[in-house]
Amino acid sequence: MRKTVGYLRYETEEELSLLNQLYALLRFYTNFFQPVTKLVSKERVKSKVKKHYDEPKNPLMRVIESPSIDDSIKKSLQDQYEALNPAEPKRQIVTIQNQLIEMVALKNNSLPYPKEVNLV
């Protein structure tokens, strides 16, 4: 989470509210749009370990491909995904990050990061 919110100290109720909004957006952003590779196997060749990964897929695609997940859950997730604009969660995340930075700057009378920072 430090990569997303930085190492600043958030203490007020307003900051907590923004953090909760940010976490909700990050859930959509990471689960629907961020591809992840999974380690398939490791092979030791002398002193080196060679790792083999599968193709990158976002967590939503892995759930949809899973036979153990109920079809109604898959349909619900697919509907959520189709309703989202891929760029909108990212824009909202950056806006909230900048609001948090400005709040801390107003409390401390100094700007901890350059204005309009993108921590994601």
PDB file of N, CA and C in Angstrom:
ATOM      1  N   MET A   1       0.813  -1.192   0.000  1.00  0.00           N
ATOM      2  CA  MET A   1       0.000   0.000   0.000  1.00  0.00           C
ATOM      3  C   MET A   1       0.858   1.258   0.000  1.00  0.00           C
ATOM      4  N   ARG A   2       2.061   1.181   0.538  1.00  0.00           N
ATOM      5  CA  ARG A   2       2.906   2.378   0.576  1.00  0.00           C
ATOM      6  C   ARG A   2       3.198   2.899  -0.823  1.00  0.00           C
ATOM      7  N   LYS A   3       3.258   2.001  -1.797  1.00  0.00           N
ATOM      8  CA  LYS A   3       3.485   2.439  -3.171  1.00  0.00           C
ATOM      9  C   LYS A   3       2.323   3.305  -3.644  1.00  0.00           C
ATOM     10  N   THR A   4       1.136   3.022  -3.176  1.00  0.00           N
ATOM     11  CA  THR A   4      -0.060   3.737  -3.613  1.00  0.00           C
ATOM     12  C   THR A   4      -0.301   5.005  -2.835  1.00  0.00           C
ATOM     13  N   VAL A   5      -0.146   4.977  -1.520  1.00  0.00           N
ATOM     14  CA  VAL A   5      -0.480   6.145  -0.697  1.00  0.00           C
ATOM     15  C   VAL A   5       0.747   6.890  -0.195  1.00  0.00           C
ATOM     16  N   GLY A   6       1.935   6.389  -0.436  1.00  0.00           N
ATOM     17  CA  GLY A   6       3.140   7.060   0.019  1.00  0.00           C
ATOM     18  C   GLY A   6       3.412   6.793   1.489  1.00  0.00           C
ATOM     19  N   TYR A   7       4.406   7.476   2.017  1.00  0.00           N
ATOM     20  CA  TYR A   7       4.822   7.273   3.406  1.00  0.00           C
ATOM     21  C   TYR A   7       4.374   8.420   4.305  1.00  0.00           C
ATOM     22  N   LEU A   8       3.324   9.102   3.882  1.00  0.00           N
ATOM     23  CA  LEU A   8       2.824  10.227   4.670  1.00  0.00           C
ATOM     24  C   LEU A   8       1.957   9.722   5.813  1.00  0.00           C
ATOM     25  N   ARG A   9       1.735  10.592   6.793  1.00  0.00           N
ATOM     26  CA  ARG A   9       0.910  10.230   7.939  1.00  0.00           C
ATOM     27  C   ARG A   9      -0.486  10.812   7.744  1.00  0.00           C
ATOM     28  N   TYR A  10      -1.480   9.946   7.707  1.00  0.00           N
ATOM     29  CA  TYR A  10      -2.863  10.367   7.525  1.00  0.00           C
ATOM     30  C   TYR A  10      -3.589  10.191   8.853  1.00  0.00           C
ATOM     31  N   GLU A  11      -4.129  11.294   9.390  1.00  0.00           N
ATOM     32  CA  GLU A  11      -4.686  11.260  10.738  1.00  0.00           C
ATOM     33  C   GLU A  11      -6.143  11.694  10.837  1.00  0.00           C
ATOM     34  N   THR A  12      -6.649  12.468   9.910  1.00  0.00           N
ATOM     35  CA  THR A  12      -7.977  13.049  10.050  1.00  0.00           C
ATOM     36  C   THR A  12      -9.056  12.142   9.469  1.00  0.00           C
ATOM     37  N   GLU A  13     -10.290  12.448   9.816  1.00  0.00           N
ATOM     38  CA  GLU A  13     -11.439  11.698   9.290  1.00  0.00           C
ATOM     39  C   GLU A  13     -11.570  11.892   7.779  1.00  0.00           C
ATOM     40  N   GLU A  14     -11.265  13.097   7.291  1.00  0.00           N
ATOM     41  CA  GLU A  14     -11.333  13.362   5.846  1.00  0.00           C
ATOM     42  C   GLU A  14     -10.330  12.496   5.096  1.00  0.00           C
ATOM     43  N   GLU A  15      -9.140  12.381   5.648  1.00  0.00           N
ATOM     44  CA  GLU A  15      -8.115  11.549   5.020  1.00  0.00           C
ATOM     45  C   GLU A  15      -8.522  10.081   5.045  1.00  0.00           C
ATOM     46  N   LEU A  16      -9.126   9.647   6.143  1.00  0.00           N
ATOM     47  CA  LEU A  16      -9.617   8.278   6.226  1.00  0.00           C
ATOM     48  C   LEU A  16     -10.679   8.011   5.165  1.00  0.00           C
ATOM     49  N   SER A  17     -11.570   8.963   4.992  1.00  0.00           N
ATOM     50  CA  SER A  17     -12.615   8.819   3.981  1.00  0.00           C
ATOM     51  C   SER A  17     -12.011   8.702   2.579  1.00  0.00           C
ATOM     52  N   LEU A  18     -11.026   9.544   2.284  1.00  0.00           N
ATOM     53  CA  LEU A  18     -10.355   9.468   0.979  1.00  0.00           C
ATOM     54  C   LEU A  18      -9.609   8.144   0.809  1.00  0.00           C
ATOM     55  N   LEU A  19      -8.963   7.670   1.884  1.00  0.00           N
ATOM     56  CA  LEU A  19      -8.264   6.393   1.810  1.00  0.00           C
ATOM     57  C   LEU A  19      -9.236   5.248   1.528  1.00  0.00           C
ATOM     58  N   ASN A  20     -10.394   5.268   2.157  1.00  0.00           N
ATOM     59  CA  ASN A  20     -11.395   4.231   1.904  1.00  0.00           C
ATOM     60  C   ASN A  20     -11.882   4.268   0.462  1.00  0.00           C
ATOM     61  N   GLN A  21     -12.083   5.480  -0.080  1.00  0.00           N
ATOM     62  CA  GLN A  21     -12.473   5.606  -1.487  1.00  0.00           C
ATOM     63  C   GLN A  21     -11.363   5.069  -2.389  1.00  0.00           C
ATOM     64  N   LEU A  22     -10.129   5.386  -2.038  1.00  0.00           N
ATOM     65  CA  LEU A  22      -8.982   4.947  -2.829  1.00  0.00           C
ATOM     66  C   LEU A  22      -8.874   3.423  -2.839  1.00  0.00           C
ATOM     67  N   TYR A  23      -9.049   2.798  -1.678  1.00  0.00           N
ATOM     68  CA  TYR A  23      -8.969   1.338  -1.603  1.00  0.00           C
ATOM     69  C   TYR A  23     -10.065   0.670  -2.420  1.00  0.00           C
ATOM     70  N   ALA A  24     -11.258   1.257  -2.423  1.00  0.00           N
ATOM     71  CA  ALA A  24     -12.360   0.705  -3.220  1.00  0.00           C
ATOM     72  C   ALA A  24     -12.032   0.776  -4.712  1.00  0.00           C
ATOM     73  N   LEU A  25     -11.462   1.891  -5.146  1.00  0.00           N
ATOM     74  CA  LEU A  25     -11.076   2.028  -6.559  1.00  0.00           C
ATOM     75  C   LEU A  25      -9.934   1.090  -6.915  1.00  0.00           C
ATOM     76  N   LEU A  26      -8.989   0.941  -5.995  1.00  0.00           N
ATOM     77  CA  LEU A  26      -7.849   0.050  -6.262  1.00  0.00           C
ATOM     78  C   LEU A  26      -8.287  -1.401  -6.421  1.00  0.00           C
ATOM     79  N   ARG A  27      -9.340  -1.773  -5.713  1.00  0.00           N
ATOM     80  CA  ARG A  27      -9.868  -3.131  -5.852  1.00  0.00           C
ATOM     81  C   ARG A  27     -10.304  -3.385  -7.291  1.00  0.00           C
ATOM     82  N   PHE A  28     -11.043  -2.441  -7.868  1.00  0.00           N
ATOM     83  CA  PHE A  28     -11.454  -2.587  -9.259  1.00  0.00           C
ATOM     84  C   PHE A  28     -10.256  -2.530 -10.197  1.00  0.00           C
ATOM     85  N   TYR A  29      -9.380  -1.568  -9.975  1.00  0.00           N
ATOM     86  CA  TYR A  29      -8.245  -1.361 -10.876  1.00  0.00           C
ATOM     87  C   TYR A  29      -7.325  -2.586 -10.913  1.00  0.00           C
ATOM     88  N   THR A  30      -6.987  -3.114  -9.750  1.00  0.00           N
ATOM     89  CA  THR A  30      -6.052  -4.249  -9.733  1.00  0.00           C
ATOM     90  C   THR A  30      -6.709  -5.555 -10.171  1.00  0.00           C
ATOM     91  N   ASN A  31      -7.953  -5.793  -9.785  1.00  0.00           N
ATOM     92  CA  ASN A  31      -8.592  -7.068 -10.104  1.00  0.00           C
ATOM     93  C   ASN A  31      -9.140  -7.147 -11.522  1.00  0.00           C
ATOM     94  N   PHE A  32      -9.464  -6.012 -12.115  1.00  0.00           N
ATOM     95  CA  PHE A  32     -10.050  -6.035 -13.446  1.00  0.00           C
ATOM     96  C   PHE A  32      -9.074  -5.641 -14.551  1.00  0.00           C
ATOM     97  N   PHE A  33      -8.037  -4.850 -14.236  1.00  0.00           N
ATOM     98  CA  PHE A  33      -7.211  -4.305 -15.308  1.00  0.00           C
ATOM     99  C   PHE A  33      -5.716  -4.581 -15.198  1.00  0.00           C
ATOM    100  N   GLN A  34      -5.212  -5.027 -14.071  1.00  0.00           N
ATOM    101  CA  GLN A  34      -3.779  -5.244 -13.919  1.00  0.00           C
ATOM    102  C   GLN A  34      -3.399  -6.699 -14.182  1.00  0.00           C
ATOM    103  N   PRO A  35      -2.654  -6.975 -15.242  1.00  0.00           N
ATOM    104  CA  PRO A  35      -2.260  -8.357 -15.503  1.00  0.00           C
ATOM    105  C   PRO A  35      -1.207  -8.849 -14.506  1.00  0.00           C
ATOM    106  N   VAL A  36      -1.270 -10.140 -14.236  1.00  0.00           N
ATOM    107  CA  VAL A  36      -0.350 -10.777 -13.297  1.00  0.00           C
ATOM    108  C   VAL A  36       0.149 -12.065 -13.934  1.00  0.00           C
ATOM    109  N   THR A  37       1.427 -12.367 -13.752  1.00  0.00           N
ATOM    110  CA  THR A  37       1.948 -13.653 -14.216  1.00  0.00           C
ATOM    111  C   THR A  37       2.075 -14.588 -13.026  1.00  0.00           C
ATOM    112  N   LYS A  38       1.830 -15.850 -13.259  1.00  0.00           N
ATOM    113  CA  LYS A  38       1.941 -16.858 -12.206  1.00  0.00           C
ATOM    114  C   LYS A  38       3.139 -17.748 -12.509  1.00  0.00           C
ATOM    115  N   LEU A  39       3.857 -18.092 -11.471  1.00  0.00           N
ATOM    116  CA  LEU A  39       4.987 -18.995 -11.609  1.00  0.00           C
ATOM    117  C   LEU A  39       4.463 -20.404 -11.865  1.00  0.00           C
ATOM    118  N   VAL A  40       4.896 -21.007 -12.975  1.00  0.00           N
ATOM    119  CA  VAL A  40       4.445 -22.348 -13.336  1.00  0.00           C
ATOM    120  C   VAL A  40       5.432 -23.390 -12.816  1.00  0.00           C
ATOM    121  N   SER A  41       6.722 -23.130 -13.035  1.00  0.00           N
ATOM    122  CA  SER A  41       7.724 -24.100 -12.586  1.00  0.00           C
ATOM    123  C   SER A  41       9.083 -23.429 -12.433  1.00  0.00           C
ATOM    124  N   LYS A  42       9.941 -24.120 -11.674  1.00  0.00           N
ATOM    125  CA  LYS A  42      11.328 -23.681 -11.508  1.00  0.00           C
ATOM    126  C   LYS A  42      12.226 -24.833 -11.935  1.00  0.00           C
ATOM    127  N   GLU A  43      13.324 -24.486 -12.534  1.00  0.00           N
ATOM    128  CA  GLU A  43      14.264 -25.513 -12.993  1.00  0.00           C
ATOM    129  C   GLU A  43      15.671 -25.070 -12.609  1.00  0.00           C
ATOM    130  N   ARG A  44      16.369 -25.924 -11.890  1.00  0.00           N
ATOM    131  CA  ARG A  44      17.731 -25.591 -11.497  1.00  0.00           C
ATOM    132  C   ARG A  44      18.683 -26.034 -12.599  1.00  0.00           C
ATOM    133  N   VAL A  45      19.458 -25.067 -13.099  1.00  0.00           N
ATOM    134  CA  VAL A  45      20.497 -25.345 -14.088  1.00  0.00           C
ATOM    135  C   VAL A  45      21.815 -24.906 -13.464  1.00  0.00           C
ATOM    136  N   LYS A  46      22.578 -25.894 -12.983  1.00  0.00           N
ATOM    137  CA  LYS A  46      23.812 -25.674 -12.221  1.00  0.00           C
ATOM    138  C   LYS A  46      23.511 -24.772 -11.021  1.00  0.00           C
ATOM    139  N   SER A  47      24.067 -23.574 -10.991  1.00  0.00           N
ATOM    140  CA  SER A  47      23.857 -22.722  -9.821  1.00  0.00           C
ATOM    141  C   SER A  47      22.720 -21.722 -10.000  1.00  0.00           C
ATOM    142  N   LYS A  48      22.081 -21.726 -11.154  1.00  0.00           N
ATOM    143  CA  LYS A  48      21.003 -20.775 -11.417  1.00  0.00           C
ATOM    144  C   LYS A  48      19.650 -21.468 -11.410  1.00  0.00           C
ATOM    145  N   VAL A  49      18.627 -20.705 -11.053  1.00  0.00           N
ATOM    146  CA  VAL A  49      17.265 -21.215 -11.076  1.00  0.00           C
ATOM    147  C   VAL A  49      16.534 -20.516 -12.214  1.00  0.00           C
ATOM    148  N   LYS A  50      16.048 -21.295 -13.149  1.00  0.00           N
ATOM    149  CA  LYS A  50      15.304 -20.739 -14.280  1.00  0.00           C
ATOM    150  C   LYS A  50      13.820 -20.875 -13.969  1.00  0.00           C
ATOM    151  N   LYS A  51      13.105 -19.742 -14.019  1.00  0.00           N
ATOM    152  CA  LYS A  51      11.689 -19.739 -13.681  1.00  0.00           C
ATOM    153  C   LYS A  51      10.855 -19.639 -14.953  1.00  0.00           C
ATOM    154  N   HIS A  52       9.751 -20.378 -14.968  1.00  0.00           N
ATOM    155  CA  HIS A  52       8.843 -20.369 -16.110  1.00  0.00           C
ATOM    156  C   HIS A  52       7.491 -19.828 -15.641  1.00  0.00           C
ATOM    157  N   TYR A  53       6.975 -18.845 -16.363  1.00  0.00           N
ATOM    158  CA  TYR A  53       5.713 -18.200 -16.001  1.00  0.00           C
ATOM    159  C   TYR A  53       4.674 -18.455 -17.082  1.00  0.00           C
ATOM    160  N   ASP A  54       3.395 -18.406 -16.674  1.00  0.00           N
ATOM    161  CA  ASP A  54       2.329 -18.505 -17.662  1.00  0.00           C
ATOM    162  C   ASP A  54       2.102 -17.118 -18.264  1.00  0.00           C
ATOM    163  N   GLU A  55       1.164 -17.022 -19.191  1.00  0.00           N
ATOM    164  CA  GLU A  55       0.910 -15.732 -19.826  1.00  0.00           C
ATOM    165  C   GLU A  55       0.219 -14.784 -18.843  1.00  0.00           C
ATOM    166  N   PRO A  56       0.493 -13.482 -18.964  1.00  0.00           N
ATOM    167  CA  PRO A  56      -0.126 -12.520 -18.045  1.00  0.00           C
ATOM    168  C   PRO A  56      -1.642 -12.442 -18.249  1.00  0.00           C
ATOM    169  N   LYS A  57      -2.370 -12.471 -17.137  1.00  0.00           N
ATOM    170  CA  LYS A  57      -3.827 -12.340 -17.151  1.00  0.00           C
ATOM    171  C   LYS A  57      -4.220 -11.556 -15.915  1.00  0.00           C
ATOM    172  N   ASN A  58      -5.314 -10.811 -16.016  1.00  0.00           N
ATOM    173  CA  ASN A  58      -5.785 -10.124 -14.821  1.00  0.00           C
ATOM    174  C   ASN A  58      -6.546 -11.128 -13.949  1.00  0.00           C
ATOM    175  N   PRO A  59      -6.699 -10.838 -12.664  1.00  0.00           N
ATOM    176  CA  PRO A  59      -7.378 -11.779 -11.760  1.00  0.00           C
ATOM    177  C   PRO A  59      -8.790 -12.135 -12.211  1.00  0.00           C
ATOM    178  N   LEU A  60      -9.490 -11.217 -12.862  1.00  0.00           N
ATOM    179  CA  LEU A  60     -10.835 -11.518 -13.357  1.00  0.00           C
ATOM    180  C   LEU A  60     -10.801 -12.668 -14.365  1.00  0.00           C
ATOM    181  N   MET A  61      -9.861 -12.636 -15.294  1.00  0.00           N
ATOM    182  CA  MET A  61      -9.773 -13.702 -16.298  1.00  0.00           C
ATOM    183  C   MET A  61      -9.439 -15.046 -15.652  1.00  0.00           C
ATOM    184  N   ARG A  62      -8.632 -15.020 -14.618  1.00  0.00           N
ATOM    185  CA  ARG A  62      -8.298 -16.270 -13.916  1.00  0.00           C
ATOM    186  C   ARG A  62      -9.534 -16.844 -13.216  1.00  0.00           C
ATOM    187  N   VAL A  63     -10.369 -15.974 -12.649  1.00  0.00           N
ATOM    188  CA  VAL A  63     -11.608 -16.436 -12.010  1.00  0.00           C
ATOM    189  C   VAL A  63     -12.548 -17.017 -13.060  1.00  0.00           C
ATOM    190  N   ILE A  64     -12.683 -16.326 -14.183  1.00  0.00           N
ATOM    191  CA  ILE A  64     -13.589 -16.790 -15.241  1.00  0.00           C
ATOM    192  C   ILE A  64     -13.143 -18.139 -15.797  1.00  0.00           C
ATOM    193  N   GLU A  65     -11.849 -18.369 -15.890  1.00  0.00           N
ATOM    194  CA  GLU A  65     -11.335 -19.636 -16.406  1.00  0.00           C
ATOM    195  C   GLU A  65     -11.383 -20.767 -15.378  1.00  0.00           C
ATOM    196  N   SER A  66     -11.582 -20.430 -14.126  1.00  0.00           N
ATOM    197  CA  SER A  66     -11.575 -21.440 -13.071  1.00  0.00           C
ATOM    198  C   SER A  66     -12.856 -22.275 -13.095  1.00  0.00           C
ATOM    199  N   PRO A  67     -12.745 -23.596 -13.110  1.00  0.00           N
ATOM    200  CA  PRO A  67     -13.936 -24.441 -13.118  1.00  0.00           C
ATOM    201  C   PRO A  67     -14.615 -24.536 -11.746  1.00  0.00           C
ATOM    202  N   SER A  68     -13.933 -24.159 -10.686  1.00  0.00           N
ATOM    203  CA  SER A  68     -14.496 -24.313  -9.339  1.00  0.00           C
ATOM    204  C   SER A  68     -15.373 -23.132  -8.903  1.00  0.00           C
ATOM    205  N   ILE A  69     -15.416 -22.070  -9.709  1.00  0.00           N
ATOM    206  CA  ILE A  69     -16.219 -20.895  -9.367  1.00  0.00           C
ATOM    207  C   ILE A  69     -17.593 -21.016 -10.009  1.00  0.00           C
ATOM    208  N   ASP A  70     -18.631 -20.677  -9.251  1.00  0.00           N
ATOM    209  CA  ASP A  70     -20.004 -20.755  -9.723  1.00  0.00           C
ATOM    210  C   ASP A  70     -20.238 -19.798 -10.901  1.00  0.00           C
ATOM    211  N   ASP A  71     -21.043 -20.210 -11.878  1.00  0.00           N
ATOM    212  CA  ASP A  71     -21.302 -19.410 -13.068  1.00  0.00           C
ATOM    213  C   ASP A  71     -22.006 -18.094 -12.748  1.00  0.00           C
ATOM    214  N   SER A  72     -22.832 -18.060 -11.720  1.00  0.00           N
ATOM    215  CA  SER A  72     -23.520 -16.810 -11.370  1.00  0.00           C
ATOM    216  C   SER A  72     -22.521 -15.756 -10.885  1.00  0.00           C
ATOM    217  N   ILE A  73     -21.495 -16.190 -10.161  1.00  0.00           N
ATOM    218  CA  ILE A  73     -20.451 -15.269  -9.703  1.00  0.00           C
ATOM    219  C   ILE A  73     -19.655 -14.766 -10.894  1.00  0.00           C
ATOM    220  N   LYS A  74     -19.335 -15.660 -11.813  1.00  0.00           N
ATOM    221  CA  LYS A  74     -18.598 -15.262 -13.011  1.00  0.00           C
ATOM    222  C   LYS A  74     -19.389 -14.232 -13.812  1.00  0.00           C
ATOM    223  N   LYS A  75     -20.691 -14.466 -13.961  1.00  0.00           N
ATOM    224  CA  LYS A  75     -21.548 -13.554 -14.714  1.00  0.00           C
ATOM    225  C   LYS A  75     -21.599 -12.190 -14.034  1.00  0.00           C
ATOM    226  N   SER A  76     -21.719 -12.174 -12.715  1.00  0.00           N
ATOM    227  CA  SER A  76     -21.759 -10.924 -11.956  1.00  0.00           C
ATOM    228  C   SER A  76     -20.468 -10.124 -12.142  1.00  0.00           C
ATOM    229  N   LEU A  77     -19.328 -10.806 -12.043  1.00  0.00           N
ATOM    230  CA  LEU A  77     -18.044 -10.139 -12.226  1.00  0.00           C
ATOM    231  C   LEU A  77     -17.868  -9.631 -13.654  1.00  0.00           C
ATOM    232  N   GLN A  78     -18.308 -10.430 -14.615  1.00  0.00           N
ATOM    233  CA  GLN A  78     -18.211 -10.023 -16.020  1.00  0.00           C
ATOM    234  C   GLN A  78     -19.066  -8.774 -16.275  1.00  0.00           C
ATOM    235  N   ASP A  79     -20.245  -8.711 -15.682  1.00  0.00           N
ATOM    236  CA  ASP A  79     -21.110  -7.537 -15.826  1.00  0.00           C
ATOM    237  C   ASP A  79     -20.463  -6.291 -15.219  1.00  0.00           C
ATOM    238  N   GLN A  80     -19.832  -6.453 -14.051  1.00  0.00           N
ATOM    239  CA  GLN A  80     -19.121  -5.332 -13.430  1.00  0.00           C
ATOM    240  C   GLN A  80     -18.002  -4.839 -14.340  1.00  0.00           C
ATOM    241  N   TYR A  81     -17.264  -5.775 -14.913  1.00  0.00           N
ATOM    242  CA  TYR A  81     -16.141  -5.440 -15.778  1.00  0.00           C
ATOM    243  C   TYR A  81     -16.611  -4.673 -17.017  1.00  0.00           C
ATOM    244  N   GLU A  82     -17.688  -5.120 -17.620  1.00  0.00           N
ATOM    245  CA  GLU A  82     -18.187  -4.474 -18.827  1.00  0.00           C
ATOM    246  C   GLU A  82     -18.734  -3.076 -18.548  1.00  0.00           C
ATOM    247  N   ALA A  83     -19.161  -2.825 -17.318  1.00  0.00           N
ATOM    248  CA  ALA A  83     -19.683  -1.508 -16.967  1.00  0.00           C
ATOM    249  C   ALA A  83     -18.570  -0.489 -16.690  1.00  0.00           C
ATOM    250  N   LEU A  84     -17.342  -0.958 -16.509  1.00  0.00           N
ATOM    251  CA  LEU A  84     -16.241  -0.062 -16.165  1.00  0.00           C
ATOM    252  C   LEU A  84     -15.536   0.472 -17.408  1.00  0.00           C
ATOM    253  N   ASN A  85     -15.108   1.716 -17.305  1.00  0.00           N
ATOM    254  CA  ASN A  85     -14.237   2.319 -18.306  1.00  0.00           C
ATOM    255  C   ASN A  85     -12.812   2.141 -17.783  1.00  0.00           C
ATOM    256  N   PRO A  86     -11.918   1.509 -18.532  1.00  0.00           N
ATOM    257  CA  PRO A  86     -10.579   1.216 -18.001  1.00  0.00           C
ATOM    258  C   PRO A  86      -9.795   2.440 -17.530  1.00  0.00           C
ATOM    259  N   ALA A  87      -9.992   3.580 -18.141  1.00  0.00           N
ATOM    260  CA  ALA A  87      -9.228   4.765 -17.771  1.00  0.00           C
ATOM    261  C   ALA A  87      -9.821   5.501 -16.570  1.00  0.00           C
ATOM    262  N   GLU A  88     -11.100   5.344 -16.331  1.00  0.00           N
ATOM    263  CA  GLU A  88     -11.759   6.111 -15.269  1.00  0.00           C
ATOM    264  C   GLU A  88     -11.257   5.776 -13.861  1.00  0.00           C
ATOM    265  N   PRO A  89     -11.133   4.495 -13.472  1.00  0.00           N
ATOM    266  CA  PRO A  89     -10.598   4.224 -12.125  1.00  0.00           C
ATOM    267  C   PRO A  89      -9.199   4.798 -11.922  1.00  0.00           C
ATOM    268  N   LYS A  90      -8.376   4.734 -12.958  1.00  0.00           N
ATOM    269  CA  LYS A  90      -7.015   5.269 -12.863  1.00  0.00           C
ATOM    270  C   LYS A  90      -7.049   6.776 -12.627  1.00  0.00           C
ATOM    271  N   ARG A  91      -7.889   7.490 -13.368  1.00  0.00           N
ATOM    272  CA  ARG A  91      -8.015   8.942 -13.183  1.00  0.00           C
ATOM    273  C   ARG A  91      -8.486   9.280 -11.770  1.00  0.00           C
ATOM    274  N   GLN A  92      -9.461   8.541 -11.286  1.00  0.00           N
ATOM    275  CA  GLN A  92      -9.991   8.791  -9.944  1.00  0.00           C
ATOM    276  C   GLN A  92      -8.939   8.493  -8.879  1.00  0.00           C
ATOM    277  N   ILE A  93      -8.153   7.445  -9.083  1.00  0.00           N
ATOM    278  CA  ILE A  93      -7.084   7.094  -8.138  1.00  0.00           C
ATOM    279  C   ILE A  93      -6.072   8.228  -8.049  1.00  0.00           C
ATOM    280  N   VAL A  94      -5.635   8.737  -9.184  1.00  0.00           N
ATOM    281  CA  VAL A  94      -4.650   9.822  -9.204  1.00  0.00           C
ATOM    282  C   VAL A  94      -5.222  11.078  -8.557  1.00  0.00           C
ATOM    283  N   THR A  95      -6.486  11.378  -8.805  1.00  0.00           N
ATOM    284  CA  THR A  95      -7.128  12.543  -8.190  1.00  0.00           C
ATOM    285  C   THR A  95      -7.144  12.420  -6.673  1.00  0.00           C
ATOM    286  N   ILE A  96      -7.525  11.262  -6.160  1.00  0.00           N
ATOM    287  CA  ILE A  96      -7.568  11.059  -4.704  1.00  0.00           C
ATOM    288  C   ILE A  96      -6.168  11.117  -4.103  1.00  0.00           C
ATOM    289  N   GLN A  97      -5.176  10.534  -4.788  1.00  0.00           N
ATOM    290  CA  GLN A  97      -3.804  10.601  -4.296  1.00  0.00           C
ATOM    291  C   GLN A  97      -3.352  12.053  -4.157  1.00  0.00           C
ATOM    292  N   ASN A  98      -3.659  12.861  -5.153  1.00  0.00           N
ATOM    293  CA  ASN A  98      -3.263  14.268  -5.108  1.00  0.00           C
ATOM    294  C   ASN A  98      -4.010  15.026  -4.015  1.00  0.00           C
ATOM    295  N   GLN A  99      -5.278  14.690  -3.775  1.00  0.00           N
ATOM    296  CA  GLN A  99      -6.023  15.319  -2.687  1.00  0.00           C
ATOM    297  C   GLN A  99      -5.394  14.983  -1.339  1.00  0.00           C
ATOM    298  N   LEU A 100      -4.991  13.720  -1.165  1.00  0.00           N
ATOM    299  CA  LEU A 100      -4.337  13.319   0.090  1.00  0.00           C
ATOM    300  C   LEU A 100      -3.036  14.088   0.298  1.00  0.00           C
ATOM    301  N   ILE A 101      -2.254  14.225  -0.751  1.00  0.00           N
ATOM    302  CA  ILE A 101      -0.983  14.948  -0.653  1.00  0.00           C
ATOM    303  C   ILE A 101      -1.231  16.410  -0.289  1.00  0.00           C
ATOM    304  N   GLU A 102      -2.245  17.020  -0.902  1.00  0.00           N
ATOM    305  CA  GLU A 102      -2.561  18.414  -0.585  1.00  0.00           C
ATOM    306  C   GLU A 102      -3.017  18.571   0.865  1.00  0.00           C
ATOM    307  N   MET A 103      -3.803  17.619   1.377  1.00  0.00           N
ATOM    308  CA  MET A 103      -4.256  17.690   2.770  1.00  0.00           C
ATOM    309  C   MET A 103      -3.080  17.651   3.734  1.00  0.00           C
ATOM    310  N   VAL A 104      -2.132  16.760   3.477  1.00  0.00           N
ATOM    311  CA  VAL A 104      -0.955  16.658   4.339  1.00  0.00           C
ATOM    312  C   VAL A 104      -0.106  17.917   4.208  1.00  0.00           C
ATOM    313  N   ALA A 105      -0.002  18.451   3.004  1.00  0.00           N
ATOM    314  CA  ALA A 105       0.783  19.665   2.796  1.00  0.00           C
ATOM    315  C   ALA A 105       0.183  20.846   3.557  1.00  0.00           C
ATOM    316  N   LEU A 106      -1.144  20.935   3.587  1.00  0.00           N
ATOM    317  CA  LEU A 106      -1.789  22.022   4.326  1.00  0.00           C
ATOM    318  C   LEU A 106      -1.553  21.898   5.829  1.00  0.00           C
ATOM    319  N   LYS A 107      -1.541  20.646   6.336  1.00  0.00           N
ATOM    320  CA  LYS A 107      -1.290  20.431   7.765  1.00  0.00           C
ATOM    321  C   LYS A 107       0.143  20.797   8.136  1.00  0.00           C
ATOM    322  N   ASN A 108       1.092  20.419   7.280  1.00  0.00           N
ATOM    323  CA  ASN A 108       2.512  20.560   7.598  1.00  0.00           C
ATOM    324  C   ASN A 108       3.150  21.811   7.007  1.00  0.00           C
ATOM    325  N   ASN A 109       2.399  22.565   6.221  1.00  0.00           N
ATOM    326  CA  ASN A 109       2.918  23.756   5.545  1.00  0.00           C
ATOM    327  C   ASN A 109       4.104  23.449   4.636  1.00  0.00           C
ATOM    328  N   SER A 110       4.149  22.255   4.096  1.00  0.00           N
ATOM    329  CA  SER A 110       5.186  21.890   3.132  1.00  0.00           C
ATOM    330  C   SER A 110       4.623  20.821   2.212  1.00  0.00           C
ATOM    331  N   LEU A 111       5.110  20.770   1.009  1.00  0.00           N
ATOM    332  CA  LEU A 111       4.645  19.802   0.027  1.00  0.00           C
ATOM    333  C   LEU A 111       5.600  18.615   0.022  1.00  0.00           C
ATOM    334  N   PRO A 112       5.163  17.415   0.453  1.00  0.00           N
ATOM    335  CA  PRO A 112       6.066  16.272   0.565  1.00  0.00           C
ATOM    336  C   PRO A 112       6.488  15.691  -0.776  1.00  0.00           C
ATOM    337  N   TYR A 113       5.666  15.861  -1.797  1.00  0.00           N
ATOM    338  CA  TYR A 113       5.954  15.349  -3.135  1.00  0.00           C
ATOM    339  C   TYR A 113       5.743  16.477  -4.129  1.00  0.00           C
ATOM    340  N   PRO A 114       6.263  16.335  -5.352  1.00  0.00           N
ATOM    341  CA  PRO A 114       5.931  17.337  -6.375  1.00  0.00           C
ATOM    342  C   PRO A 114       4.438  17.362  -6.626  1.00  0.00           C
ATOM    343  N   LYS A 115       3.910  18.517  -6.984  1.00  0.00           N
ATOM    344  CA  LYS A 115       2.477  18.653  -7.267  1.00  0.00           C
ATOM    345  C   LYS A 115       2.098  17.697  -8.392  1.00  0.00           C
ATOM    346  N   GLU A 116       0.880  17.151  -8.325  1.00  0.00           N
ATOM    347  CA  GLU A 116       0.349  16.210  -9.338  1.00  0.00           C
ATOM    348  C   GLU A 116       1.243  14.976  -9.460  1.00  0.00           C
ATOM    349  N   VAL A 117       1.362  14.265  -8.391  1.00  0.00           N
ATOM    350  CA  VAL A 117       2.186  13.051  -8.384  1.00  0.00           C
ATOM    351  C   VAL A 117       1.319  11.837  -8.702  1.00  0.00           C
ATOM    352  N   ASN A 118       1.891  10.849  -9.346  1.00  0.00           N
ATOM    353  CA  ASN A 118       1.183   9.618  -9.661  1.00  0.00           C
ATOM    354  C   ASN A 118       1.914   8.473  -8.971  1.00  0.00           C
ATOM    355  N   LEU A 119       1.348   7.977  -7.879  1.00  0.00           N
ATOM    356  CA  LEU A 119       2.021   6.939  -7.098  1.00  0.00           C
ATOM    357  C   LEU A 119       1.676   5.530  -7.523  1.00  0.00           C
ATOM    358  N   VAL A 120       0.722   5.340  -8.423  1.00  0.00           N
ATOM    359  CA  VAL A 120       0.341   3.978  -8.831  1.00  0.00           C
ATOM    360  C   VAL A 120       1.244   3.522  -9.931  1.00  0.00           C
TER     361      VAL A 120
END
